[in-house]
């Protein structure tokens, strides 16, 4: 499968089979995040894999959606602000670097038959507390992962390339 085919195949999965994900497959997904590029190669991320039902329940309370609770595993993606590169104007690239790693992981999951959904609308302070994280770590996203119980939507509406691309200058 070509990269474009893989990217088109990937979708936000919000329904999972009641089937655990093999540790080897989770490790493949994590490896894709590990090898992602980052600003100045700082690699300012940590990935916390949650499979324990009690901890999953606590994390699910930070994003109370029924579908979220059906995921057999959750990868909590944290950015480490003490490690991330800061541009000369102060722009911290921690979120950007974490996003690149997350995108790598979502595509790797799709490649091996797993589904994910990039979740950002959670209670970050509560999640931070549940995981007992140090101050320098920020939970960037929750990545539920499992075997999809549904199928990809027929038509993922995307803007036409002419609507998002200009050449040489913005018009």
N, C-alpha and C. Protein backbone atom coordinates (compact mmCIF):
# COMPACT_ATOMS: atom_id res chain seq x y z
N UNK A 1 0.84 -1.17 0.00
CA UNK A 1 0.00 0.00 0.00
C UNK A 1 0.90 1.24 0.00
N UNK A 2 0.57 2.21 -0.83
CA UNK A 2 1.35 3.44 -0.89
C UNK A 2 1.03 4.31 0.33
N UNK A 3 1.88 5.30 0.56
CA UNK A 3 1.65 6.19 1.69
C UNK A 3 0.31 6.92 1.55
N UNK A 4 0.01 7.41 0.37
CA UNK A 4 -1.26 8.13 0.15
C UNK A 4 -2.45 7.21 0.42
N UNK A 5 -2.35 5.96 -0.01
CA UNK A 5 -3.43 5.01 0.27
C UNK A 5 -3.59 4.80 1.77
N UNK A 6 -2.48 4.68 2.49
CA UNK A 6 -2.52 4.52 3.94
C UNK A 6 -3.15 5.74 4.60
N UNK A 7 -2.72 6.93 4.19
CA UNK A 7 -3.26 8.16 4.77
C UNK A 7 -4.76 8.27 4.51
N UNK A 8 -5.21 7.85 3.35
CA UNK A 8 -6.64 7.88 3.05
C UNK A 8 -7.41 6.82 3.84
N UNK A 9 -6.76 5.72 4.14
CA UNK A 9 -7.38 4.62 4.89
C UNK A 9 -7.61 5.00 6.35
N UNK A 10 -6.72 5.78 6.92
CA UNK A 10 -6.79 6.13 8.34
C UNK A 10 -7.99 7.04 8.61
N UNK A 11 -8.72 6.74 9.67
CA UNK A 11 -9.85 7.58 10.08
C UNK A 11 -9.96 7.55 11.60
N UNK A 12 -10.74 8.45 12.15
CA UNK A 12 -10.93 8.51 13.60
C UNK A 12 -11.90 7.42 14.03
N UNK A 13 -11.38 6.42 14.70
CA UNK A 13 -12.18 5.28 15.13
C UNK A 13 -12.81 5.61 16.49
N UNK A 14 -14.13 5.46 16.55
CA UNK A 14 -14.85 5.74 17.79
C UNK A 14 -15.71 4.55 18.22
N UNK A 15 -15.28 3.35 17.80
CA UNK A 15 -15.97 2.13 18.19
C UNK A 15 -14.96 0.99 18.06
N UNK A 16 -14.72 0.31 19.17
CA UNK A 16 -13.67 -0.72 19.21
C UNK A 16 -14.25 -2.08 19.56
N UNK A 17 -13.65 -3.12 18.99
CA UNK A 17 -14.01 -4.48 19.35
C UNK A 17 -13.53 -4.76 20.77
N UNK A 18 -14.22 -5.63 21.45
CA UNK A 18 -13.82 -6.06 22.79
C UNK A 18 -12.75 -7.13 22.65
N UNK A 19 -11.57 -6.68 22.24
CA UNK A 19 -10.47 -7.59 21.95
C UNK A 19 -9.17 -6.86 22.32
N UNK A 20 -8.37 -7.46 23.20
CA UNK A 20 -7.12 -6.77 23.57
C UNK A 20 -6.17 -6.65 22.38
N UNK A 21 -5.37 -5.60 22.43
CA UNK A 21 -4.36 -5.39 21.39
C UNK A 21 -3.07 -6.05 21.87
N UNK A 22 -2.48 -6.84 21.01
CA UNK A 22 -1.24 -7.53 21.34
C UNK A 22 -0.13 -6.52 21.65
N UNK A 23 0.67 -6.84 22.66
CA UNK A 23 1.75 -5.94 23.07
C UNK A 23 2.69 -5.66 21.91
N UNK A 24 2.94 -6.65 21.07
CA UNK A 24 3.84 -6.47 19.92
C UNK A 24 3.30 -5.38 18.99
N UNK A 25 1.98 -5.34 18.79
CA UNK A 25 1.39 -4.33 17.92
C UNK A 25 1.48 -2.94 18.56
N UNK A 26 1.25 -2.87 19.86
CA UNK A 26 1.39 -1.58 20.55
C UNK A 26 2.83 -1.11 20.44
N UNK A 27 3.77 -2.01 20.58
CA UNK A 27 5.18 -1.64 20.45
C UNK A 27 5.51 -1.14 19.05
N UNK A 28 4.89 -1.72 18.02
CA UNK A 28 5.09 -1.24 16.65
C UNK A 28 4.61 0.21 16.52
N UNK A 29 3.46 0.49 17.09
CA UNK A 29 2.90 1.83 17.04
C UNK A 29 3.81 2.81 17.80
N UNK A 30 4.27 2.40 18.97
CA UNK A 30 5.17 3.24 19.76
C UNK A 30 6.49 3.49 19.04
N UNK A 31 6.97 2.48 18.33
CA UNK A 31 8.21 2.64 17.56
C UNK A 31 8.05 3.73 16.50
N UNK A 32 6.88 3.79 15.88
CA UNK A 32 6.63 4.83 14.88
C UNK A 32 6.70 6.21 15.53
N UNK A 33 6.20 6.34 16.74
CA UNK A 33 6.31 7.61 17.46
C UNK A 33 7.74 7.91 17.87
N UNK A 34 8.44 6.89 18.29
CA UNK A 34 9.82 7.05 18.74
C UNK A 34 10.72 7.59 17.63
N UNK A 35 10.51 7.13 16.42
CA UNK A 35 11.40 7.52 15.31
C UNK A 35 10.95 8.80 14.60
N UNK A 36 9.87 9.40 15.08
CA UNK A 36 9.38 10.63 14.44
C UNK A 36 10.42 11.75 14.57
N UNK A 37 10.46 12.62 13.58
CA UNK A 37 11.38 13.77 13.67
C UNK A 37 10.89 14.77 14.70
N UNK A 38 11.82 15.54 15.23
CA UNK A 38 11.48 16.61 16.17
C UNK A 38 12.46 17.75 15.99
N UNK A 39 12.06 18.94 16.42
CA UNK A 39 12.92 20.11 16.28
C UNK A 39 14.24 19.88 17.01
N UNK A 40 15.33 20.06 16.29
CA UNK A 40 16.69 19.90 16.80
C UNK A 40 16.88 18.50 17.43
N UNK A 41 16.08 17.54 16.99
CA UNK A 41 16.14 16.16 17.46
C UNK A 41 16.05 16.04 18.98
N UNK A 42 15.28 16.92 19.60
CA UNK A 42 15.14 16.91 21.07
C UNK A 42 14.27 15.76 21.58
N UNK A 43 13.36 15.27 20.74
CA UNK A 43 12.49 14.15 21.11
C UNK A 43 11.82 14.38 22.47
N UNK A 44 11.07 15.49 22.61
CA UNK A 44 10.52 15.85 23.91
C UNK A 44 9.17 15.19 24.22
N UNK A 45 9.14 13.89 24.17
CA UNK A 45 7.88 13.18 24.38
C UNK A 45 8.06 12.00 25.32
N UNK A 46 6.94 11.65 25.90
CA UNK A 46 6.83 10.41 26.69
C UNK A 46 5.49 9.80 26.31
N UNK A 47 5.46 8.49 26.20
CA UNK A 47 4.24 7.78 25.87
C UNK A 47 3.90 6.86 27.04
N UNK A 48 2.73 7.03 27.60
CA UNK A 48 2.28 6.20 28.70
C UNK A 48 1.18 5.29 28.17
N UNK A 49 1.41 3.98 28.22
CA UNK A 49 0.44 3.02 27.71
C UNK A 49 -0.43 2.56 28.88
N UNK A 50 -1.73 2.71 28.71
CA UNK A 50 -2.68 2.34 29.75
C UNK A 50 -3.53 1.17 29.24
N UNK A 51 -3.43 0.03 29.91
CA UNK A 51 -4.27 -1.13 29.58
C UNK A 51 -5.03 -1.62 30.81
N UNK A 52 -4.57 -1.25 31.98
CA UNK A 52 -5.21 -1.65 33.24
C UNK A 52 -6.60 -1.00 33.33
N UNK A 53 -7.62 -1.79 33.61
CA UNK A 53 -8.99 -1.29 33.61
C UNK A 53 -9.22 -0.16 34.61
N UNK A 54 -8.62 -0.25 35.78
CA UNK A 54 -8.81 0.79 36.79
C UNK A 54 -8.22 2.13 36.33
N UNK A 55 -7.03 2.08 35.78
CA UNK A 55 -6.39 3.31 35.30
C UNK A 55 -7.11 3.83 34.06
N UNK A 56 -7.52 2.93 33.16
CA UNK A 56 -8.29 3.35 31.98
C UNK A 56 -9.55 4.08 32.40
N UNK A 57 -10.20 3.59 33.43
CA UNK A 57 -11.42 4.22 33.92
C UNK A 57 -11.15 5.63 34.44
N UNK A 58 -10.06 5.80 35.14
CA UNK A 58 -9.69 7.13 35.64
C UNK A 58 -9.39 8.08 34.49
N UNK A 59 -8.67 7.58 33.48
CA UNK A 59 -8.37 8.41 32.31
C UNK A 59 -9.66 8.71 31.56
N UNK A 60 -10.54 7.74 31.46
CA UNK A 60 -11.82 7.93 30.76
C UNK A 60 -12.66 9.01 31.44
N UNK A 61 -12.49 9.19 32.73
CA UNK A 61 -13.22 10.24 33.44
C UNK A 61 -12.76 11.64 33.04
N UNK A 62 -11.60 11.74 32.39
CA UNK A 62 -11.12 13.04 31.92
C UNK A 62 -11.71 13.39 30.55
N UNK A 63 -12.31 12.40 29.92
CA UNK A 63 -12.97 12.58 28.62
C UNK A 63 -14.20 11.67 28.62
N UNK A 64 -15.27 12.10 29.24
CA UNK A 64 -16.42 11.22 29.47
C UNK A 64 -17.31 10.98 28.24
N UNK A 65 -16.81 10.18 27.34
CA UNK A 65 -17.58 9.76 26.18
C UNK A 65 -17.66 8.24 26.22
N UNK A 66 -18.84 7.71 26.00
CA UNK A 66 -19.03 6.26 26.09
C UNK A 66 -18.10 5.48 25.16
N UNK A 67 -17.95 5.97 23.92
CA UNK A 67 -17.13 5.24 22.96
C UNK A 67 -15.68 5.13 23.43
N UNK A 68 -15.19 6.16 24.11
CA UNK A 68 -13.80 6.20 24.56
C UNK A 68 -13.49 5.05 25.53
N UNK A 69 -14.48 4.71 26.32
CA UNK A 69 -14.32 3.64 27.32
C UNK A 69 -14.19 2.26 26.69
N UNK A 70 -14.55 2.14 25.41
CA UNK A 70 -14.49 0.83 24.75
C UNK A 70 -13.11 0.48 24.21
N UNK A 71 -12.20 1.45 24.19
CA UNK A 71 -10.85 1.19 23.66
C UNK A 71 -10.09 0.27 24.62
N UNK A 72 -9.48 -0.78 24.10
CA UNK A 72 -8.74 -1.70 24.96
C UNK A 72 -7.44 -1.12 25.51
N UNK A 73 -6.94 -0.07 24.88
CA UNK A 73 -5.71 0.57 25.35
C UNK A 73 -5.78 2.06 25.05
N UNK A 74 -5.04 2.81 25.83
CA UNK A 74 -4.92 4.26 25.61
C UNK A 74 -3.45 4.61 25.69
N UNK A 75 -2.97 5.32 24.69
CA UNK A 75 -1.61 5.86 24.75
C UNK A 75 -1.76 7.33 25.12
N UNK A 76 -1.19 7.69 26.25
CA UNK A 76 -1.21 9.08 26.69
C UNK A 76 0.09 9.71 26.19
N UNK A 77 -0.04 10.71 25.35
CA UNK A 77 1.14 11.35 24.77
C UNK A 77 1.43 12.62 25.55
N UNK A 78 2.62 12.64 26.15
CA UNK A 78 3.04 13.79 26.95
C UNK A 78 4.20 14.50 26.26
N UNK A 79 4.18 15.81 26.37
CA UNK A 79 5.29 16.61 25.88
C UNK A 79 6.11 17.08 27.07
N UNK A 80 7.42 17.04 26.91
CA UNK A 80 8.33 17.45 27.98
C UNK A 80 8.90 18.83 27.66
N UNK A 81 8.35 19.82 28.32
CA UNK A 81 8.76 21.21 28.06
C UNK A 81 10.18 21.50 28.53
N UNK A 82 10.74 20.65 29.38
CA UNK A 82 12.12 20.88 29.81
C UNK A 82 13.12 20.41 28.76
N UNK A 83 12.64 19.63 27.79
CA UNK A 83 13.52 19.11 26.74
C UNK A 83 13.29 19.76 25.38
N UNK A 84 12.11 20.32 25.17
CA UNK A 84 11.75 20.79 23.83
C UNK A 84 12.55 22.01 23.39
N UNK A 85 12.71 22.11 22.08
CA UNK A 85 13.43 23.23 21.48
C UNK A 85 12.54 24.47 21.49
N UNK A 86 13.14 25.60 21.83
CA UNK A 86 12.45 26.88 21.81
C UNK A 86 13.11 27.77 20.75
N UNK A 87 12.29 28.29 19.86
CA UNK A 87 12.77 29.19 18.82
C UNK A 87 13.22 30.51 19.47
N UNK A 88 14.00 31.31 18.77
CA UNK A 88 14.56 32.55 19.33
C UNK A 88 13.48 33.53 19.81
N UNK A 89 12.27 33.43 19.25
CA UNK A 89 11.18 34.31 19.72
C UNK A 89 10.40 33.69 20.87
N UNK A 90 10.88 32.53 21.37
CA UNK A 90 10.24 31.89 22.52
C UNK A 90 9.25 30.80 22.16
N UNK A 91 8.91 30.64 20.89
CA UNK A 91 7.96 29.59 20.48
C UNK A 91 8.49 28.22 20.90
N UNK A 92 7.71 27.54 21.74
CA UNK A 92 8.06 26.21 22.24
C UNK A 92 7.49 25.18 21.26
N UNK A 93 8.34 24.34 20.71
CA UNK A 93 7.92 23.36 19.71
C UNK A 93 7.48 22.02 20.28
N UNK A 94 7.25 21.98 21.59
CA UNK A 94 6.84 20.73 22.24
C UNK A 94 5.57 20.15 21.61
N UNK A 95 4.54 20.99 21.46
CA UNK A 95 3.28 20.51 20.87
C UNK A 95 3.45 20.05 19.43
N UNK A 96 4.26 20.79 18.68
CA UNK A 96 4.49 20.43 17.28
C UNK A 96 5.18 19.07 17.21
N UNK A 97 6.21 18.88 18.00
CA UNK A 97 6.95 17.62 18.00
C UNK A 97 6.06 16.45 18.44
N UNK A 98 5.26 16.67 19.47
CA UNK A 98 4.35 15.62 19.93
C UNK A 98 3.33 15.29 18.84
N UNK A 99 2.85 16.31 18.14
CA UNK A 99 1.87 16.09 17.07
C UNK A 99 2.46 15.25 15.94
N UNK A 100 3.71 15.48 15.62
CA UNK A 100 4.35 14.67 14.58
C UNK A 100 4.42 13.21 15.02
N UNK A 101 4.80 12.98 16.27
CA UNK A 101 4.88 11.61 16.80
C UNK A 101 3.50 10.96 16.80
N UNK A 102 2.48 11.72 17.20
CA UNK A 102 1.11 11.19 17.22
C UNK A 102 0.68 10.81 15.82
N UNK A 103 0.95 11.65 14.85
CA UNK A 103 0.56 11.35 13.48
C UNK A 103 1.25 10.08 12.98
N UNK A 104 2.53 9.94 13.29
CA UNK A 104 3.24 8.71 12.93
C UNK A 104 2.54 7.49 13.55
N UNK A 105 2.15 7.62 14.81
CA UNK A 105 1.52 6.48 15.50
C UNK A 105 0.15 6.16 14.94
N UNK A 106 -0.64 7.19 14.59
CA UNK A 106 -1.96 6.90 14.04
C UNK A 106 -1.86 6.19 12.69
N UNK A 107 -0.88 6.59 11.89
CA UNK A 107 -0.69 5.94 10.59
C UNK A 107 -0.14 4.52 10.75
N UNK A 108 0.79 4.34 11.69
CA UNK A 108 1.32 2.99 11.95
C UNK A 108 0.21 2.06 12.41
N UNK A 109 -0.67 2.57 13.26
CA UNK A 109 -1.79 1.75 13.75
C UNK A 109 -2.68 1.33 12.58
N UNK A 110 -3.02 2.28 11.72
CA UNK A 110 -3.86 1.96 10.56
C UNK A 110 -3.20 0.94 9.66
N UNK A 111 -1.89 1.03 9.53
CA UNK A 111 -1.14 0.12 8.67
C UNK A 111 -1.22 -1.33 9.14
N UNK A 112 -1.39 -1.54 10.45
CA UNK A 112 -1.44 -2.92 10.98
C UNK A 112 -2.84 -3.33 11.44
N UNK A 113 -3.84 -2.61 10.95
CA UNK A 113 -5.22 -3.01 11.19
C UNK A 113 -5.84 -2.50 12.48
N UNK A 114 -5.17 -1.56 13.14
CA UNK A 114 -5.71 -0.98 14.36
C UNK A 114 -6.34 0.37 14.07
N UNK A 115 -7.15 0.83 14.99
CA UNK A 115 -7.77 2.14 14.85
C UNK A 115 -7.40 3.02 16.03
N UNK A 116 -7.41 4.32 15.77
CA UNK A 116 -7.10 5.32 16.79
C UNK A 116 -8.03 6.52 16.59
N UNK A 117 -8.02 7.38 17.57
CA UNK A 117 -8.71 8.66 17.45
C UNK A 117 -7.93 9.66 18.28
N UNK A 118 -7.53 10.73 17.67
CA UNK A 118 -6.73 11.76 18.32
C UNK A 118 -7.67 12.57 19.22
N UNK A 119 -7.52 12.46 20.54
CA UNK A 119 -8.41 13.12 21.49
C UNK A 119 -7.67 14.25 22.20
N UNK A 120 -8.19 15.47 22.06
CA UNK A 120 -7.59 16.63 22.72
C UNK A 120 -8.56 17.33 23.67
N UNK A 121 -9.85 17.03 23.58
CA UNK A 121 -10.87 17.72 24.38
C UNK A 121 -11.09 17.03 25.72
N UNK A 122 -10.01 16.85 26.47
CA UNK A 122 -10.09 16.18 27.76
C UNK A 122 -9.70 17.17 28.86
N UNK A 123 -9.95 16.81 30.10
CA UNK A 123 -9.58 17.64 31.24
C UNK A 123 -8.09 17.41 31.51
N UNK A 124 -7.26 18.32 31.02
CA UNK A 124 -5.81 18.14 31.10
C UNK A 124 -5.31 18.13 32.54
N UNK A 125 -5.84 19.00 33.38
CA UNK A 125 -5.38 19.05 34.78
C UNK A 125 -5.72 17.76 35.50
N UNK A 126 -6.92 17.24 35.27
CA UNK A 126 -7.33 15.99 35.90
C UNK A 126 -6.47 14.82 35.41
N UNK A 127 -6.19 14.79 34.13
CA UNK A 127 -5.36 13.74 33.55
C UNK A 127 -3.94 13.80 34.14
N UNK A 128 -3.42 14.99 34.25
CA UNK A 128 -2.09 15.22 34.83
C UNK A 128 -2.05 14.66 36.25
N UNK A 129 -3.10 14.92 37.00
CA UNK A 129 -3.19 14.46 38.38
C UNK A 129 -3.31 12.94 38.47
N UNK A 130 -4.17 12.36 37.64
CA UNK A 130 -4.37 10.90 37.63
C UNK A 130 -3.04 10.18 37.38
N UNK A 131 -2.23 10.73 36.48
CA UNK A 131 -0.97 10.09 36.11
C UNK A 131 0.21 10.52 36.99
N UNK A 132 -0.07 11.45 37.93
CA UNK A 132 0.98 11.92 38.85
C UNK A 132 2.21 12.40 38.09
N UNK A 133 1.97 13.27 37.11
CA UNK A 133 3.05 13.74 36.24
C UNK A 133 3.82 14.89 36.88
N UNK A 134 5.11 14.99 36.59
CA UNK A 134 5.87 16.15 37.05
C UNK A 134 5.45 17.40 36.26
N UNK A 135 5.80 18.56 36.78
CA UNK A 135 5.41 19.84 36.17
C UNK A 135 5.86 20.01 34.73
N UNK A 136 7.04 19.48 34.38
CA UNK A 136 7.58 19.68 33.03
C UNK A 136 6.84 18.88 31.96
N UNK A 137 6.01 17.92 32.37
CA UNK A 137 5.26 17.13 31.39
C UNK A 137 3.84 17.67 31.25
N UNK A 138 3.41 17.75 29.99
CA UNK A 138 2.05 18.16 29.68
C UNK A 138 1.40 17.06 28.85
N UNK A 139 0.19 16.68 29.22
CA UNK A 139 -0.54 15.71 28.39
C UNK A 139 -1.02 16.46 27.15
N UNK A 140 -0.52 16.04 26.00
CA UNK A 140 -0.85 16.69 24.73
C UNK A 140 -2.12 16.07 24.13
N UNK A 141 -2.20 14.75 24.15
CA UNK A 141 -3.35 14.07 23.55
C UNK A 141 -3.51 12.68 24.15
N UNK A 142 -4.72 12.19 24.06
CA UNK A 142 -5.03 10.81 24.42
C UNK A 142 -5.26 10.06 23.10
N UNK A 143 -4.68 8.90 23.00
CA UNK A 143 -4.78 8.13 21.76
C UNK A 143 -5.36 6.75 22.09
N UNK A 144 -6.71 6.63 22.08
CA UNK A 144 -7.29 5.30 22.26
C UNK A 144 -6.88 4.44 21.08
N UNK A 145 -6.66 3.16 21.35
CA UNK A 145 -6.19 2.28 20.27
C UNK A 145 -6.81 0.89 20.45
N UNK A 146 -7.22 0.33 19.33
CA UNK A 146 -7.81 -1.00 19.36
C UNK A 146 -8.22 -1.43 17.97
N UNK A 147 -8.90 -2.57 17.92
CA UNK A 147 -9.41 -3.07 16.64
C UNK A 147 -10.75 -2.38 16.36
N UNK A 148 -10.88 -1.74 15.21
CA UNK A 148 -12.13 -1.03 14.90
C UNK A 148 -13.33 -1.97 14.86
N UNK A 149 -14.44 -1.49 15.43
CA UNK A 149 -15.70 -2.24 15.38
C UNK A 149 -16.59 -1.69 14.27
N UNK A 150 -16.12 -0.64 13.61
CA UNK A 150 -16.87 -0.05 12.51
C UNK A 150 -15.99 0.00 11.27
N UNK A 151 -16.49 0.60 10.23
CA UNK A 151 -15.70 0.74 9.01
C UNK A 151 -15.50 2.22 8.72
N UNK A 152 -14.52 2.49 7.91
CA UNK A 152 -14.22 3.87 7.55
C UNK A 152 -15.41 4.52 6.87
N UNK A 153 -15.62 5.80 7.12
CA UNK A 153 -16.71 6.48 6.41
C UNK A 153 -16.45 6.45 4.90
N UNK A 154 -17.52 6.40 4.15
CA UNK A 154 -17.42 6.35 2.69
C UNK A 154 -16.65 7.53 2.12
N UNK A 155 -16.98 8.72 2.61
CA UNK A 155 -16.42 9.92 2.01
C UNK A 155 -15.91 10.85 3.09
N UNK A 156 -14.60 10.85 3.30
CA UNK A 156 -14.02 11.82 4.22
C UNK A 156 -13.90 13.13 3.45
N UNK A 157 -14.76 14.07 3.74
CA UNK A 157 -14.77 15.34 3.00
C UNK A 157 -13.47 16.08 3.24
N UNK A 158 -12.79 16.39 2.18
CA UNK A 158 -11.53 17.13 2.23
C UNK A 158 -11.64 18.34 1.31
N UNK A 159 -11.01 19.41 1.68
CA UNK A 159 -10.99 20.58 0.81
C UNK A 159 -10.22 20.25 -0.47
N UNK A 160 -10.63 20.90 -1.54
CA UNK A 160 -9.91 20.75 -2.80
C UNK A 160 -8.53 21.40 -2.66
N UNK A 161 -7.55 20.85 -3.33
CA UNK A 161 -6.18 21.38 -3.23
C UNK A 161 -6.11 22.85 -3.62
N UNK A 162 -6.95 23.27 -4.55
CA UNK A 162 -6.95 24.68 -4.98
C UNK A 162 -7.42 25.62 -3.86
N UNK A 163 -8.10 25.07 -2.85
CA UNK A 163 -8.59 25.89 -1.74
C UNK A 163 -7.53 26.09 -0.64
N UNK A 164 -6.47 25.30 -0.68
CA UNK A 164 -5.50 25.36 0.42
C UNK A 164 -4.07 25.62 -0.02
N UNK A 165 -3.83 25.67 -1.32
CA UNK A 165 -2.46 25.84 -1.81
C UNK A 165 -2.38 27.09 -2.68
N UNK A 166 -1.37 27.87 -2.43
CA UNK A 166 -1.02 28.97 -3.33
C UNK A 166 0.47 28.83 -3.64
N UNK A 167 0.89 29.42 -4.72
CA UNK A 167 2.28 29.33 -5.13
C UNK A 167 2.93 30.72 -5.01
N UNK A 168 4.07 30.75 -4.40
CA UNK A 168 4.92 31.94 -4.27
C UNK A 168 4.44 32.95 -3.23
N UNK A 169 3.14 33.13 -3.07
CA UNK A 169 2.64 34.05 -2.04
C UNK A 169 1.20 33.69 -1.71
N UNK A 170 0.74 34.18 -0.56
CA UNK A 170 -0.65 33.93 -0.17
C UNK A 170 -1.57 34.84 -0.96
N UNK A 171 -2.66 34.29 -1.45
CA UNK A 171 -3.65 35.08 -2.19
C UNK A 171 -5.01 34.86 -1.62
